[in-house]
Amino acid sequence: MFTGIPVAALDFYEDLGADNSKTWWNAHKDVYDTAVREPITALAAALEPEFGAAKVFRPYRDVRFSKDKTPYKTAQGAFVAVAPSTGYYLQVDASGLRLAGGCYHASGEQLTRFRSAIDRDDRGTELEKLLQKLTRKGFEIGGDKLKTAPRGYAADHPRIELLRHKSLTASINVGCPDWLETPKTVDEVRKTWRALRPLVEWAQDVQS
């Protein structure tokens, strides 16, 4: 049963940031298990009936192709996929809780459908309006973007900024409110993910 995310989880990642080594990790793995992974897994299970099963990410970094060889991630994330690379996200790190949703990566075919929908006045305007609503609620709109107009679209297209996106997300940094250590976290995450649902469903619909 989910009882909250302890402040010990935030402290764990603050300390890991200072000493991201196998020696430190092995000495504090019990803190990771009890203060980080178990609460996040329980939180995901509590949200599953409404949003679907979440993947709780492994704590180990893939350093094979990275100049940064530190072995451990400095955040614990979980993702609920409703379509390829599309869904709901939560993360805990030293700064607290972060919640997000949207399309995190699009294949070539997905990106073509995504941009075709943005190009249409009905679907494109719909997306603009729901993003404006999210912005007013305090969400940050993000995602990878091209520096120029994508091939086949004019630079003066009325939605050129959206067309430049290769991924599109909305996120909010919740931090460490009083309720984070309590079961109320389930309700707060649920409320935030519900606010993100129009964006997630828009991205899901244009892929079908």
Protein backbone atom coordinates (compact mmCIF):
# COMPACT_ATOMS: atom_id res chain seq x y z
CA MET A 1 0.00 0.00 0.00
CA PHE A 2 1.26 3.47 -0.88
CA THR A 3 1.84 5.68 2.18
CA GLY A 4 3.85 8.53 0.64
CA ILE A 5 7.27 9.40 -0.76
CA PRO A 6 9.63 10.05 2.15
CA VAL A 7 12.00 13.01 2.20
CA ALA A 8 14.69 10.36 2.55
CA ALA A 9 14.22 9.73 -1.19
CA LEU A 10 15.19 13.32 -1.99
CA ASP A 11 18.12 13.15 0.40
CA PHE A 12 19.24 9.92 -1.24
CA TYR A 13 19.52 11.60 -4.65
CA GLU A 14 21.21 14.68 -3.22
CA ASP A 15 23.88 12.45 -1.70
CA LEU A 16 24.15 10.34 -4.85
CA GLY A 17 24.81 13.53 -6.80
CA ALA A 18 27.81 14.15 -4.60
CA ASP A 19 29.18 10.60 -4.83
CA ASN A 20 27.90 8.67 -7.84
CA SER A 21 30.00 5.60 -7.28
CA LYS A 22 29.42 1.88 -6.94
CA THR A 23 30.92 1.96 -3.45
CA TRP A 24 28.47 4.60 -2.24
CA TRP A 25 25.54 2.89 -3.96
CA ASN A 26 26.26 -0.48 -2.41
CA ALA A 27 26.47 1.12 1.02
CA HIS A 28 23.09 2.86 0.59
CA LYS A 29 21.13 0.48 -1.63
CA ASP A 30 18.78 -0.36 1.23
CA VAL A 31 17.76 3.32 1.31
CA TYR A 32 17.08 3.22 -2.44
CA ASP A 33 14.95 0.09 -2.06
CA THR A 34 12.83 1.33 0.86
CA ALA A 35 12.69 5.11 0.29
CA VAL A 36 12.65 5.26 -3.51
CA ARG A 37 11.77 2.14 -5.45
CA GLU A 38 9.15 0.67 -3.11
CA PRO A 39 7.13 3.93 -2.77
CA ILE A 40 7.30 4.67 -6.50
CA THR A 41 6.20 1.11 -7.34
CA ALA A 42 3.31 1.39 -4.87
CA LEU A 43 2.33 4.80 -6.26
CA ALA A 44 2.28 3.41 -9.80
CA ALA A 45 0.11 0.50 -8.65
CA ALA A 46 -2.37 2.90 -7.02
CA LEU A 47 -2.69 4.86 -10.27
CA GLU A 48 -2.89 1.80 -12.52
CA PRO A 49 -6.69 1.29 -12.43
CA GLU A 50 -7.26 4.65 -14.12
CA PHE A 51 -4.15 5.20 -16.24
CA GLY A 52 -2.67 1.76 -16.89
CA ALA A 53 0.41 -0.14 -15.82
CA ALA A 54 3.61 1.83 -15.40
CA LYS A 55 7.17 0.88 -16.18
CA VAL A 56 9.41 1.77 -13.24
CA PHE A 57 12.82 2.47 -14.72
CA ARG A 58 16.02 0.79 -13.62
CA PRO A 59 18.46 2.93 -11.64
CA TYR A 60 21.47 2.06 -13.79
CA ARG A 61 22.70 4.31 -16.58
CA ASP A 62 23.67 2.98 -20.00
CA VAL A 63 27.19 4.38 -20.26
CA ARG A 64 28.28 2.51 -23.39
CA PHE A 65 27.99 5.52 -25.70
CA SER A 66 28.25 8.32 -23.15
CA LYS A 67 31.21 10.43 -22.10
CA ASP A 68 29.64 10.57 -18.64
CA LYS A 69 30.53 7.25 -17.05
CA THR A 70 28.75 7.76 -13.72
CA PRO A 71 26.90 4.48 -13.17
CA TYR A 72 23.60 5.54 -11.60
CA LYS A 73 20.70 7.77 -12.62
CA THR A 74 20.15 10.76 -10.34
CA ALA A 75 16.35 10.40 -10.56
CA GLN A 76 13.77 7.63 -10.37
CA GLY A 77 11.21 7.70 -13.14
CA ALA A 78 8.09 5.76 -14.05
CA PHE A 79 6.17 5.88 -17.34
CA VAL A 80 2.66 4.79 -18.33
CA ALA A 81 2.53 4.20 -22.09
CA VAL A 82 -0.82 4.57 -23.88
CA ALA A 83 0.77 4.52 -27.37
CA PRO A 84 4.35 4.26 -28.65
CA SER A 85 6.46 6.78 -26.66
CA THR A 86 3.25 8.51 -25.54
CA GLY A 87 1.80 8.63 -22.05
CA TYR A 88 2.23 9.84 -18.48
CA TYR A 89 5.45 10.31 -16.53
CA LEU A 90 6.51 10.88 -12.94
CA GLN A 91 9.94 11.40 -11.48
CA VAL A 92 11.54 11.84 -8.07
CA ASP A 93 14.96 13.42 -7.64
CA ALA A 94 16.77 15.70 -5.19
CA SER A 95 14.41 18.59 -6.00
CA GLY A 96 11.24 16.57 -5.36
CA LEU A 97 8.43 15.33 -7.60
CA ARG A 98 8.03 16.14 -11.29
CA LEU A 99 4.98 15.15 -13.36
CA ALA A 100 4.58 15.18 -17.13
CA GLY A 101 2.78 13.79 -20.15
CA GLY A 102 2.88 13.84 -23.90
CA CYS A 103 4.83 12.30 -26.76
CA TYR A 104 8.46 11.72 -25.78
CA HIS A 105 9.84 10.37 -29.03
CA ALA A 106 8.32 9.87 -32.45
CA SER A 107 9.43 7.51 -35.19
CA GLY A 108 9.47 8.76 -38.77
CA GLU A 109 5.94 7.54 -39.44
CA GLN A 110 4.65 8.90 -36.14
CA LEU A 111 6.25 12.26 -36.79
CA THR A 112 4.63 12.46 -40.22
CA ARG A 113 1.18 11.85 -38.70
CA PHE A 114 1.94 14.26 -35.87
CA ARG A 115 2.84 17.10 -38.25
CA SER A 116 -0.04 16.34 -40.61
CA ALA A 117 -2.43 16.77 -37.68
CA ILE A 118 -0.80 20.05 -36.63
CA ASP A 119 -1.05 21.28 -40.22
CA ARG A 120 -4.83 20.78 -40.21
CA ASP A 121 -6.75 23.78 -38.98
CA ASP A 122 -9.10 21.71 -36.81
CA ARG A 123 -6.56 19.43 -35.10
CA GLY A 124 -3.81 22.04 -35.04
CA THR A 125 -6.04 24.65 -33.44
CA GLU A 126 -7.27 22.06 -30.95
CA LEU A 127 -3.67 21.37 -29.92
CA GLU A 128 -2.88 25.08 -29.59
CA LYS A 129 -5.85 25.60 -27.29
CA LEU A 130 -5.11 22.67 -24.99
CA LEU A 131 -1.45 23.73 -24.73
CA GLN A 132 -2.53 27.27 -23.83
CA LYS A 133 -4.78 25.84 -21.12
CA LEU A 134 -1.93 23.77 -19.71
CA THR A 135 0.38 26.79 -19.74
CA ARG A 136 -2.16 28.80 -17.75
CA LYS A 137 -2.19 26.00 -15.17
CA GLY A 138 1.56 26.27 -14.72
CA PHE A 139 2.80 23.52 -17.02
CA GLU A 140 5.98 23.98 -19.05
CA ILE A 141 5.70 22.98 -22.71
CA GLY A 142 8.83 21.23 -23.94
CA GLY A 143 10.26 18.68 -26.33
CA ASP A 144 13.01 18.36 -28.92
CA LYS A 145 12.66 20.82 -31.80
CA LEU A 146 14.19 21.46 -35.19
CA LYS A 147 16.02 24.76 -35.58
CA THR A 148 14.28 25.40 -38.90
CA ALA A 149 10.98 24.53 -40.55
CA PRO A 150 10.54 20.82 -41.30
CA ARG A 151 10.75 19.80 -44.93
CA GLY A 152 7.52 20.43 -46.78
CA TYR A 153 6.24 23.21 -44.50
CA ALA A 154 6.57 26.94 -45.04
CA ALA A 155 8.54 28.99 -42.51
CA ASP A 156 5.54 31.32 -42.13
CA HIS A 157 3.08 28.53 -41.32
CA PRO A 158 0.71 29.77 -38.56
CA ARG A 159 1.76 26.83 -36.35
CA ILE A 160 5.39 26.60 -37.39
CA GLU A 161 6.63 26.46 -33.77
CA LEU A 162 4.55 23.34 -33.15
CA LEU A 163 5.57 21.82 -36.48
CA ARG A 164 9.23 22.10 -35.46
CA HIS A 165 8.66 19.74 -32.54
CA LYS A 166 10.07 16.23 -32.76
CA SER A 167 8.55 15.46 -29.37
CA LEU A 168 5.99 17.39 -27.37
CA THR A 169 5.53 17.29 -23.61
CA ALA A 170 3.99 19.29 -20.78
CA SER A 171 5.56 19.06 -17.34
CA ILE A 172 5.37 20.63 -13.91
CA ASN A 173 7.89 20.54 -11.08
CA VAL A 174 5.83 19.91 -7.95
CA GLY A 175 8.81 19.98 -5.59
CA CYS A 176 8.38 18.78 -2.02
CA PRO A 177 4.94 19.85 -0.74
CA ASP A 178 3.65 18.77 2.66
CA TRP A 179 1.53 16.02 1.12
CA LEU A 180 4.44 14.25 -0.59
CA GLU A 181 5.06 12.05 2.47
CA THR A 182 1.38 11.11 2.72
CA PRO A 183 -1.12 8.97 0.77
CA LYS A 184 -2.58 12.23 -0.61
CA THR A 185 0.20 12.07 -3.22
CA VAL A 186 -1.96 9.58 -5.16
CA ASP A 187 -4.78 12.11 -5.47
CA GLU A 188 -2.41 14.94 -6.42
CA VAL A 189 -0.69 12.91 -9.15
CA ARG A 190 -4.06 11.71 -10.41
CA LYS A 191 -5.34 15.29 -10.61
CA THR A 192 -2.26 16.43 -12.52
CA TRP A 193 -2.34 13.50 -14.94
CA ARG A 194 -6.02 14.17 -15.59
CA ALA A 195 -5.10 17.74 -16.54
CA LEU A 196 -2.54 16.27 -18.97
CA ARG A 197 -5.00 13.76 -20.44
CA PRO A 198 -6.18 15.99 -23.35
CA LEU A 199 -2.59 16.33 -24.59
CA VAL A 200 -1.86 12.63 -24.16
CA GLU A 201 -5.08 11.65 -25.92
CA TRP A 202 -4.44 14.12 -28.74
CA ALA A 203 -1.03 12.53 -29.35
CA GLN A 204 -2.54 9.06 -29.08
CA ASP A 205 -5.36 9.85 -31.52
CA VAL A 206 -3.14 11.23 -34.27
CA GLN A 207 -1.07 8.04 -34.20
CA SER A 208 -4.04 5.75 -34.77
